[in-house]
Amino acid sequence: MTRFILLGGLLGTLFASCGPEAEVPYQAFLEEGEEFGGGATTILDESVNAFGQAAPNLTGDKDLLFVTGNAFFKRNWVTAPASTEDLDGLGPYFNARSCSACHALDGRAAPPLTPDEEPLGLLFRLSKPSGGEDLPDDNYGFQIQPHGILAVEGEGFVSVSYREQPGIYPDGTTYSLRNPIYDFSKLNYGSLEPETQVSPRIGPQMIGLGLLEAIAEETLLGFADPEDANGDGISGRANYVMNVETGLMQIGRFGWKANQPTVRQQVAGAFNGDIGITSSLFPDQPCAPNQDCSEIAHGGDPELTEDILDRVSLYSEVLAVPRRRDWEEPEVLKGKGLFESVGCVSCHIPKIVTGNYDVHPEFSNETIRPYTDLLLHDMGSGLADNRPDGLAGGQEWKTPPLWGLGLIHVVSGHTYLLHDGRARNIEEAILWHGGEAKTSQQNFKDLDKSGRSALIKFIESL
């Protein structure tokens, strides 16, 4: 089976071994139509709004629903009771007041730059191991929420600092990676339990989510090789999680560990965990076992109407993928060849055809280029959070899609990557790859400086 790699946290898991840089005519790597990463849903936009456009092939009244969904995505929620009944129910504990607070312009959140800066957009998931079921921390539940509504104290503050970790390429070029250190302070409801495990998760860019949901399960399972039967060192596997609407286990696709099966459930989960808004999917307030929320005012049962959930879900599903830039440039084409030869395509699958997608038939049978397999891969101890999530182990992460990566600096104003934003750029993200991606990481390091630059230039074109 042919596998296309994935560069770990930012890039996913690198696969297969690769040889030295080959002298291949660059035009040999050029494919017709490869600039249209989202197929017919691709848009031409390189501006600060590049991640906020609707797919151009929507039908019916979806364009109107997209506009209203965008309004609700940006709108601040308020404490209940309020005159704006459809938009009250914030908290009682929360990380942000709106979706866009963590996904400004539908882009990627950034980690704090200083230890005293609030980590907005960088969340900290919590759980205690208990056989096959993860349990909440008794005092803080499944997530640290630093804010509380009036008369309710927020849960605490997380300070983020970094320790530099120097390294050197075989050609003598030096580099430095930054290793994050997290310090929990001002905990208002007691200490975290000793067995509680913590996982940092940064808010990613929002593009192409509906296209990823449109990929058939059999296609994803065709990429999987959990026992590494082909001996290439890559053993991607699917995470199976509960679809709370159907009650059935389903392949996870969304979240850093593929812990949500659909965009709609991802949206409802974020409303609940991040903003403190209940819905038909998640009807319980995000309160820890030792927190008494019974006397705190709420905004209805549930607080999120089906209409708003539908519109925000649609908005999130149909955000378009921007067209690639510079895909025909010789250096980019050279980098594309190197991206394959060093093994990145084992996990970062370049090209996939979607299946039949009932939610948005416009996205069915589209040739897309997301550069992901949506599978879990062991990325080594350096990136480990040591916290399981569904079937995902403490060293496993989902291969993130790479489309739009080169526009993050335009939309979000930074280049921080990986699940916790520790990588300051694409190069550092590659160098953090370990585990299944270790061979590919070493292959990248073995390239000369011009080869490394070309490979990065290719990724920046996506």
Protein backbone atom coordinates (compact mmCIF):
# COMPACT_ATOMS: atom_id res chain seq x y z
CA MET A 1 0.00 0.00 0.00
CA THR A 2 1.33 3.44 -0.89
CA ARG A 3 1.35 5.81 2.07
CA PHE A 4 1.87 9.55 2.11
CA ILE A 5 3.31 10.85 5.34
CA LEU A 6 2.25 13.28 7.92
CA LEU A 7 4.57 15.57 9.73
CA GLY A 8 3.86 15.10 13.41
CA GLY A 9 2.10 17.76 15.53
CA LEU A 10 2.21 20.52 13.00
CA LEU A 11 3.09 18.37 10.11
CA GLY A 12 2.21 15.00 11.34
CA THR A 13 4.08 11.80 11.27
CA LEU A 14 6.87 11.40 8.82
CA PHE A 15 7.13 8.07 7.16
CA ALA A 16 9.27 5.78 5.16
CA SER A 17 12.98 6.10 4.70
CA CYS A 18 14.35 8.36 2.03
CA GLY A 19 17.50 8.56 0.04
CA PRO A 20 19.72 11.54 -0.70
CA GLU A 21 18.49 14.54 -2.61
CA ALA A 22 17.79 13.36 -6.12
CA GLU A 23 18.47 15.42 -9.19
CA VAL A 24 15.02 15.19 -10.76
CA PRO A 25 13.64 17.79 -13.19
CA TYR A 26 11.43 19.99 -11.03
CA GLN A 27 8.62 20.03 -13.58
CA ALA A 28 8.23 16.28 -13.00
CA PHE A 29 6.64 17.13 -9.64
CA LEU A 30 4.03 19.49 -11.08
CA GLU A 31 0.45 18.12 -11.12
CA GLU A 32 -2.48 19.57 -12.98
CA GLY A 33 -4.91 21.24 -10.61
CA GLU A 34 -2.80 20.79 -7.48
CA GLU A 35 -3.19 24.46 -6.61
CA PHE A 36 -6.88 23.80 -5.84
CA GLY A 37 -6.46 22.13 -2.45
CA GLY A 38 -10.18 22.07 -1.79
CA GLY A 39 -11.17 21.01 -5.30
CA ALA A 40 -14.23 22.93 -6.49
CA THR A 41 -14.59 24.45 -3.02
CA THR A 42 -11.27 26.32 -3.29
CA ILE A 43 -11.24 30.12 -3.11
CA LEU A 44 -8.70 32.66 -4.34
CA ASP A 45 -7.83 34.83 -1.34
CA GLU A 46 -4.40 35.60 0.10
CA SER A 47 -5.59 38.38 2.40
CA VAL A 48 -6.14 38.54 6.13
CA ASN A 49 -9.62 37.12 5.43
CA ALA A 50 -8.30 34.07 3.58
CA PHE A 51 -9.68 31.61 6.16
CA GLY A 52 -13.10 33.25 6.48
CA GLN A 53 -14.72 32.68 3.08
CA ALA A 54 -17.54 30.29 2.23
CA ALA A 55 -17.02 27.54 -0.33
CA PRO A 56 -18.06 29.01 -3.70
CA ASN A 57 -20.21 26.07 -4.77
CA LEU A 58 -22.82 26.17 -1.97
CA THR A 59 -26.44 25.73 -3.02
CA GLY A 60 -29.84 26.87 -1.74
CA ASP A 61 -29.84 29.27 1.20
CA LYS A 62 -26.49 28.11 2.60
CA ASP A 63 -24.78 31.40 1.77
CA LEU A 64 -27.29 33.23 3.97
CA LEU A 65 -26.96 30.64 6.73
CA PHE A 66 -23.19 31.03 6.49
CA VAL A 67 -23.47 34.79 7.09
CA THR A 68 -25.68 34.37 10.15
CA GLY A 69 -23.55 31.51 11.41
CA ASN A 70 -20.54 33.80 11.17
CA ALA A 71 -22.38 36.41 13.24
CA PHE A 72 -23.07 33.90 16.01
CA PHE A 73 -19.47 32.62 15.78
CA LYS A 74 -18.21 36.14 16.53
CA ARG A 75 -20.88 37.16 19.03
CA ASN A 76 -20.02 37.44 22.73
CA TRP A 77 -22.23 35.38 25.04
CA VAL A 78 -23.54 37.03 28.20
CA THR A 79 -24.54 35.96 31.69
CA ALA A 80 -28.13 34.84 32.23
CA PRO A 81 -30.70 36.15 32.69
CA ALA A 82 -30.43 38.77 29.96
CA SER A 83 -32.70 40.50 27.47
CA THR A 84 -30.88 38.68 24.65
CA GLU A 85 -32.29 35.31 25.66
CA ASP A 86 -30.82 33.42 22.72
CA LEU A 87 -27.31 34.60 23.62
CA ASP A 88 -27.26 34.28 27.39
CA GLY A 89 -26.06 31.41 29.55
CA LEU A 90 -22.32 32.13 29.63
CA GLY A 91 -20.40 30.04 32.17
CA PRO A 92 -20.53 29.68 35.09
CA TYR A 93 -16.90 28.87 34.21
CA PHE A 94 -15.42 29.64 30.82
CA ASN A 95 -12.26 30.19 28.76
CA ALA A 96 -13.70 32.72 26.31
CA ARG A 97 -16.93 34.58 25.57
CA SER A 98 -17.07 33.75 21.86
CA CYS A 99 -15.82 31.22 19.33
CA SER A 100 -13.80 33.87 17.53
CA ALA A 101 -11.90 34.76 20.69
CA CYS A 102 -9.83 31.60 20.16
CA HIS A 103 -10.21 31.49 16.36
CA ALA A 104 -9.85 35.13 15.34
CA LEU A 105 -10.54 35.48 11.61
CA ASP A 106 -11.03 31.68 11.68
CA GLY A 107 -7.29 31.33 12.16
CA ARG A 108 -4.93 29.71 14.61
CA ALA A 109 -4.49 30.84 18.21
CA ALA A 110 -1.06 31.78 19.53
CA PRO A 111 0.56 30.71 22.81
CA PRO A 112 1.45 33.35 25.41
CA LEU A 113 4.62 35.32 24.74
CA THR A 114 5.35 35.95 28.43
CA PRO A 115 4.66 33.94 31.63
CA ASP A 116 2.17 36.53 32.91
CA GLU A 117 0.09 36.58 29.70
CA GLU A 118 -3.24 34.75 29.77
CA PRO A 119 -3.14 31.70 27.47
CA LEU A 120 -6.26 32.63 25.48
CA GLY A 121 -6.75 30.02 22.78
CA LEU A 122 -4.44 27.57 24.56
CA LEU A 123 -6.64 25.24 26.61
CA PHE A 124 -5.67 22.68 29.22
CA ARG A 125 -7.66 19.45 29.19
CA LEU A 126 -7.76 17.36 32.36
CA SER A 127 -8.64 13.76 33.19
CA LYS A 128 -7.85 10.94 35.58
CA PRO A 129 -7.13 7.45 34.28
CA SER A 130 -9.66 4.81 35.35
CA GLY A 131 -9.45 1.63 33.34
CA GLY A 132 -11.10 2.24 30.00
CA GLU A 133 -12.85 5.44 31.10
CA ASP A 134 -11.33 8.85 31.70
CA LEU A 135 -12.71 10.64 34.76
CA PRO A 136 -12.77 14.38 35.54
CA ASP A 137 -10.57 15.97 38.14
CA ASP A 138 -12.78 16.30 41.22
CA ASN A 139 -12.06 20.00 41.65
CA TYR A 140 -11.70 21.20 38.04
CA GLY A 141 -13.50 18.75 35.79
CA PHE A 142 -12.21 18.07 32.28
CA GLN A 143 -10.73 21.52 31.57
CA ILE A 144 -9.20 24.46 33.39
CA GLN A 145 -11.49 27.46 32.87
CA PRO A 146 -9.80 30.63 34.14
CA HIS A 147 -12.90 32.87 34.13
CA GLY A 148 -16.17 32.90 36.03
CA ILE A 149 -19.34 34.95 35.72
CA LEU A 150 -20.27 37.59 38.31
CA ALA A 151 -19.88 36.22 41.87
CA VAL A 152 -18.19 33.05 40.56
CA GLU A 153 -14.43 32.78 40.83
CA GLY A 154 -12.54 31.52 37.82
CA GLU A 155 -10.71 28.25 38.33
CA GLY A 156 -7.13 29.41 38.07
CA PHE A 157 -4.24 30.65 35.96
CA VAL A 158 -1.70 28.75 33.87
CA SER A 159 1.66 30.39 33.28
CA VAL A 160 3.63 29.32 30.20
CA SER A 161 7.40 29.66 29.94
CA TYR A 162 10.01 27.96 27.79
CA ARG A 163 13.40 26.32 28.14
CA GLU A 164 15.61 26.46 25.06
CA GLN A 165 16.87 23.13 23.78
CA PRO A 166 19.84 23.58 21.40
CA GLY A 167 20.63 21.25 18.52
CA ILE A 168 22.89 20.96 15.49
CA TYR A 169 22.41 19.68 11.96
CA PRO A 170 24.93 17.23 10.45
CA ASP A 171 26.22 20.08 8.27
CA GLY A 172 27.08 22.11 11.38
CA THR A 173 24.13 24.52 11.27
CA THR A 174 22.73 25.14 14.75
CA TYR A 175 19.13 25.46 15.85
CA SER A 176 17.18 25.76 19.08
CA LEU A 177 13.81 24.34 20.09
CA ARG A 178 11.76 25.65 22.98
CA ASN A 179 10.36 23.21 25.51
CA PRO A 180 7.19 24.49 27.25
CA ILE A 181 6.84 24.60 31.03
CA TYR A 182 3.37 24.99 32.56
CA ASP A 183 2.78 26.34 36.05
CA PHE A 184 -0.72 26.21 37.57
CA SER A 185 -1.39 28.95 40.12
CA LYS A 186 -4.22 30.83 41.82
CA LEU A 187 -6.25 27.60 41.90
CA ASN A 188 -9.45 28.69 43.62
CA TYR A 189 -11.02 25.28 44.23
CA GLY A 190 -8.18 23.31 45.74
CA SER A 191 -5.28 21.44 44.21
CA LEU A 192 -5.35 19.31 41.11
CA GLU A 193 -5.56 15.67 42.12
CA PRO A 194 -2.16 13.92 42.02
CA GLU A 195 -3.28 11.49 39.31
CA THR A 196 -4.80 14.17 37.08
CA GLN A 197 -3.24 14.32 33.62
CA VAL A 198 -2.96 17.61 31.73
CA SER A 199 -2.94 18.19 27.97
CA PRO A 200 -2.39 21.60 26.33
CA ARG A 201 -4.41 22.16 23.12
CA ILE A 202 -4.19 25.27 20.95
CA GLY A 203 -7.04 26.43 18.70
CA PRO A 204 -6.23 25.54 15.04
CA GLN A 205 -7.35 27.26 11.84
CA MET A 206 -10.90 26.37 10.76
CA ILE A 207 -10.67 25.80 7.00
CA GLY A 208 -11.77 22.67 5.16
CA LEU A 209 -13.51 20.93 8.07
CA GLY A 210 -16.52 19.81 6.03
CA LEU A 211 -14.24 18.33 3.38
CA LEU A 212 -12.46 16.29 6.05
CA GLU A 213 -15.81 15.05 7.32
CA ALA A 214 -16.73 14.11 3.74
CA ILE A 215 -13.87 11.60 3.47
CA ALA A 216 -15.34 8.08 3.59
CA GLU A 217 -14.45 5.94 6.59
CA GLU A 218 -13.21 3.15 4.33
CA THR A 219 -10.77 5.62 2.76
CA LEU A 220 -9.33 6.52 6.16
CA LEU A 221 -9.11 2.87 7.17
CA GLY A 222 -7.27 2.21 3.92
CA PHE A 223 -4.50 4.50 5.19
CA ALA A 224 -4.31 2.71 8.55
CA ASP A 225 -1.64 0.12 9.34
CA PRO A 226 -1.86 -0.32 13.11
CA GLU A 227 0.45 -3.35 13.17
CA ASP A 228 2.88 -1.88 10.62
CA ALA A 229 2.30 -4.83 8.35
CA ASN A 230 4.31 -3.25 5.55
CA GLY A 231 7.30 -2.61 7.80
CA ASP A 232 7.71 1.08 6.95
CA GLY A 233 7.76 2.17 10.60
CA ILE A 234 4.41 3.96 10.30
CA SER A 235 1.46 2.46 12.17
CA GLY A 236 -1.37 4.95 11.89
CA ARG A 237 -4.67 3.96 13.44
CA ALA A 238 -8.11 5.46 13.80
CA ASN A 239 -9.49 6.84 17.03
CA TYR A 240 -13.04 5.61 17.65
CA VAL A 241 -15.23 7.91 19.72
CA MET A 242 -18.89 8.19 20.64
CA ASN A 243 -21.23 10.09 18.36
CA VAL A 244 -23.51 11.46 21.08
CA GLU A 245 -26.40 12.02 18.65
CA THR A 246 -26.49 8.47 17.28
CA GLY A 247 -25.11 6.67 20.32
CA LEU A 248 -22.69 4.79 18.03
CA MET A 249 -18.92 4.61 17.99
CA GLN A 250 -17.45 6.40 14.98
CA ILE A 251 -14.03 7.35 13.62
CA GLY A 252 -12.79 10.56 15.19
CA ARG A 253 -11.56 13.28 12.83
CA PHE A 254 -11.48 16.57 14.74
CA GLY A 255 -9.40 17.80 17.64
CA TRP A 256 -5.69 17.23 18.17
CA LYS A 257 -6.30 13.60 19.11
CA ALA A 258 -9.25 13.02 16.78
CA ASN A 259 -11.62 12.91 19.75
CA GLN A 260 -14.69 14.25 17.92
CA PRO A 261 -16.43 12.46 15.01
CA THR A 262 -18.29 15.37 13.38
CA VAL A 263 -17.98 19.12 13.00
CA ARG A 264 -21.33 19.57 14.70
CA GLN A 265 -20.20 17.65 17.79
CA GLN A 266 -16.90 19.52 17.81
CA VAL A 267 -18.80 22.82 17.75
CA ALA A 268 -21.19 21.76 20.52
CA GLY A 269 -18.27 20.47 22.60
CA ALA A 270 -16.43 23.78 22.26
CA PHE A 271 -19.55 25.73 23.26
CA ASN A 272 -19.80 23.58 26.36
CA GLY A 273 -16.18 23.28 27.46
CA ASP A 274 -14.87 26.67 26.37
CA ILE A 275 -17.84 29.04 26.80
CA GLY A 276 -19.97 27.13 29.30
CA ILE A 277 -23.00 26.84 27.00
CA THR A 278 -25.16 23.71 27.15
CA SER A 279 -26.82 22.17 24.09
CA SER A 280 -28.87 19.16 23.11
CA LEU A 281 -25.60 17.28 22.54
CA PHE A 282 -23.97 18.33 25.82
CA PRO A 283 -26.80 19.28 28.23
CA ASP A 284 -24.74 19.43 31.45
CA GLN A 285 -22.96 22.51 32.75
CA PRO A 286 -19.13 22.15 32.69
CA CYS A 287 -18.86 21.89 36.45
CA ALA A 288 -16.49 19.61 38.33
CA PRO A 289 -17.86 16.99 40.74
CA ASN A 290 -16.93 19.14 43.74
CA GLN A 291 -18.38 22.34 42.27
CA ASP A 292 -21.99 23.11 43.10
CA CYS A 293 -23.58 24.86 40.11
CA SER A 294 -27.18 24.09 41.01
CA GLU A 295 -27.96 27.59 42.34
CA ILE A 296 -26.23 29.51 39.55
CA ALA A 297 -28.51 31.14 36.99
CA HIS A 298 -28.44 29.60 33.53
CA GLY A 299 -29.81 30.55 30.14
CA GLY A 300 -32.27 27.76 29.51
CA ASP A 301 -32.27 24.01 29.22
CA PRO A 302 -30.39 23.79 26.96
CA GLU A 303 -28.89 27.24 26.53
CA LEU A 304 -27.94 26.87 22.87
CA THR A 305 -30.91 26.73 20.50
CA GLU A 306 -30.90 24.16 17.72
CA ASP A 307 -31.11 26.95 15.17
CA ILE A 308 -27.92 28.63 16.40
CA LEU A 309 -26.12 25.29 16.69
CA ASP A 310 -27.14 24.46 13.12
CA ARG A 311 -25.91 27.79 11.77
CA VAL A 312 -22.57 27.79 13.59
CA SER A 313 -22.03 24.16 12.56
CA LEU A 314 -22.77 24.97 8.91
CA TYR A 315 -20.47 27.98 9.08
CA SER A 316 -17.67 25.80 10.44
CA GLU A 317 -18.29 23.05 7.88
CA VAL A 318 -18.14 25.17 4.75
CA LEU A 319 -15.18 27.49 5.38
CA ALA A 320 -13.20 27.24 2.15
CA VAL A 321 -9.59 26.27 1.55
CA PRO A 322 -7.53 29.06 -0.10
CA ARG A 323 -5.72 28.33 -3.33
CA ARG A 324 -2.01 27.58 -3.09
CA ARG A 325 0.62 30.14 -3.98
CA ASP A 326 3.86 29.67 -5.96
CA TRP A 327 3.09 26.02 -6.75
CA GLU A 328 4.91 26.24 -10.08
CA GLU A 329 8.14 27.80 -8.76
CA PRO A 330 11.25 25.58 -9.21
CA GLU A 331 12.24 25.76 -5.53
CA VAL A 332 8.71 24.81 -4.42
CA LEU A 333 8.67 21.87 -6.83
CA LYS A 334 12.09 20.78 -5.59
CA GLY A 335 10.74 20.95 -2.04
CA LYS A 336 7.70 18.90 -3.07
CA GLY A 337 10.00 16.13 -4.30
CA LEU A 338 11.99 16.26 -1.08
CA PHE A 339 8.80 16.25 1.00
CA GLU A 340 8.01 12.88 -0.56
CA SER A 341 11.54 11.48 -0.53
CA VAL A 342 12.16 12.16 3.16
CA GLY A 343 8.93 10.34 3.98
CA CYS A 344 6.54 13.11 4.96
CA VAL A 345 3.81 11.72 2.71
CA SER A 346 3.45 8.54 4.77
CA CYS A 347 1.12 10.43 7.08
CA HIS A 348 0.52 13.72 5.31
CA ILE A 349 -1.45 12.18 2.46
CA PRO A 350 -1.27 14.67 -0.41
CA LYS A 351 -4.40 13.76 -2.36
CA ILE A 352 -7.73 12.23 -1.31
CA VAL A 353 -11.11 11.89 -3.02
CA THR A 354 -14.08 12.56 -0.74
CA GLY A 355 -17.04 10.20 -0.55
CA ASN A 356 -20.77 10.86 -0.68
CA TYR A 357 -21.49 13.54 1.91
CA ASP A 358 -25.13 13.90 2.89
CA VAL A 359 -24.53 17.00 5.03
CA HIS A 360 -23.24 19.00 2.05
CA PRO A 361 -23.59 17.10 -1.24
CA GLU A 362 -21.56 19.88 -2.88
CA PHE A 363 -18.48 18.41 -1.17
CA SER A 364 -19.04 14.87 -2.47
CA ASN A 365 -16.53 13.16 -4.77
CA GLU A 366 -14.10 16.07 -4.69
CA THR A 367 -10.36 15.63 -5.23
CA ILE A 368 -8.76 17.46 -2.32
CA ARG A 369 -5.20 17.91 -1.09
CA PRO A 370 -5.33 18.23 2.70
CA TYR A 371 -1.98 16.55 3.49
CA THR A 372 -3.35 14.43 6.32
CA ASP A 373 -4.58 10.89 6.96
CA LEU A 374 -6.60 11.93 10.06
CA LEU A 375 -5.06 8.97 11.90
CA LEU A 376 -3.25 8.70 15.22
CA HIS A 377 0.53 8.34 15.21
CA ASP A 378 3.08 7.93 17.99
CA MET A 379 5.09 11.14 17.83
CA GLY A 380 7.58 10.21 20.53
CA SER A 381 8.23 11.33 24.07
CA GLY A 382 9.23 14.89 23.12
CA LEU A 383 5.68 15.80 22.06
CA ALA A 384 3.89 13.51 24.52
CA ASP A 385 1.24 14.87 26.87
CA ASN A 386 0.97 11.42 28.51
CA ARG A 387 -2.83 11.79 28.60
CA PRO A 388 -5.02 9.27 26.77
CA ASP A 389 -8.04 10.52 24.83
CA GLY A 390 -10.43 7.85 23.62
CA LEU A 391 -8.18 5.24 22.02
CA ALA A 392 -5.37 7.76 21.60
CA GLY A 393 -2.38 7.14 23.82
CA GLY A 394 -0.25 9.69 25.63
CA GLN A 395 2.29 9.89 22.79
CA GLU A 396 -0.20 9.82 19.94
CA TRP A 397 -1.49 12.77 17.92
CA LYS A 398 -3.70 13.04 14.88
CA THR A 399 -1.99 14.03 11.65
CA PRO A 400 -3.03 17.67 11.22
CA PRO A 401 -3.92 18.88 7.71
CA LEU A 402 -1.32 21.19 6.19
CA TRP A 403 -3.51 23.15 3.79
CA GLY A 404 -3.44 26.87 4.46
CA LEU A 405 -0.28 26.59 6.55
CA GLY A 406 1.55 29.23 4.58
CA LEU A 407 -1.17 31.81 5.22
CA ILE A 408 -1.26 31.52 9.01
CA HIS A 409 1.16 34.43 9.37
CA VAL A 410 -1.11 36.58 7.18
CA VAL A 411 -4.38 35.70 8.91
CA SER A 412 -3.21 35.21 12.50
CA GLY A 413 -0.04 37.27 12.57
CA HIS A 414 2.30 34.51 13.75
CA THR A 415 3.80 31.16 12.72
CA TYR A 416 3.47 29.13 15.94
CA LEU A 417 2.70 25.47 15.28
CA LEU A 418 2.11 22.05 16.85
CA HIS A 419 -0.60 21.16 19.37
CA ASP A 420 0.65 23.62 21.99
CA GLY A 421 2.27 26.29 19.82
CA ARG A 422 5.79 25.47 20.99
CA ALA A 423 7.23 25.48 17.45
CA ARG A 424 7.99 29.00 16.28
CA ASN A 425 7.98 28.02 12.63
CA ILE A 426 7.75 25.09 10.21
CA GLU A 427 11.39 24.10 10.67
CA GLU A 428 11.01 23.73 14.43
CA ALA A 429 7.80 21.76 14.00
CA ILE A 430 9.61 19.24 11.79
CA LEU A 431 12.50 18.98 14.25
CA TRP A 432 10.09 18.12 17.09
CA HIS A 433 8.95 14.99 15.22
CA GLY A 434 9.86 11.75 16.96
CA GLY A 435 8.44 8.27 17.33
CA GLU A 436 7.11 7.06 14.01
CA ALA A 437 8.34 10.30 12.43
CA LYS A 438 11.92 10.02 13.71
CA THR A 439 13.31 8.59 10.46
CA SER A 440 11.73 11.34 8.41
CA GLN A 441 12.94 13.96 10.84
CA GLN A 442 16.48 12.62 10.51
CA ASN A 443 16.14 12.53 6.72
CA PHE A 444 15.19 16.22 6.84
CA LYS A 445 18.19 16.99 9.04
CA ASP A 446 20.48 15.15 6.62
CA LEU A 447 19.50 17.45 3.74
CA ASP A 448 21.82 20.33 2.99
CA LYS A 449 20.69 23.84 3.84
CA SER A 450 19.25 24.50 0.38
CA GLY A 451 17.28 21.25 0.49
CA ARG A 452 15.82 22.05 3.90
CA SER A 453 14.92 25.52 2.67
CA ALA A 454 13.19 24.13 -0.43
CA LEU A 455 11.15 21.63 1.59
CA ILE A 456 9.98 24.40 3.93
CA LYS A 457 9.22 26.62 0.94
CA PHE A 458 6.96 23.87 -0.41
CA ILE A 459 5.06 23.61 2.87
CA GLU A 460 4.67 27.39 2.93
CA SER A 461 2.99 27.18 -0.49
CA LEU A 462 0.18 24.93 0.80
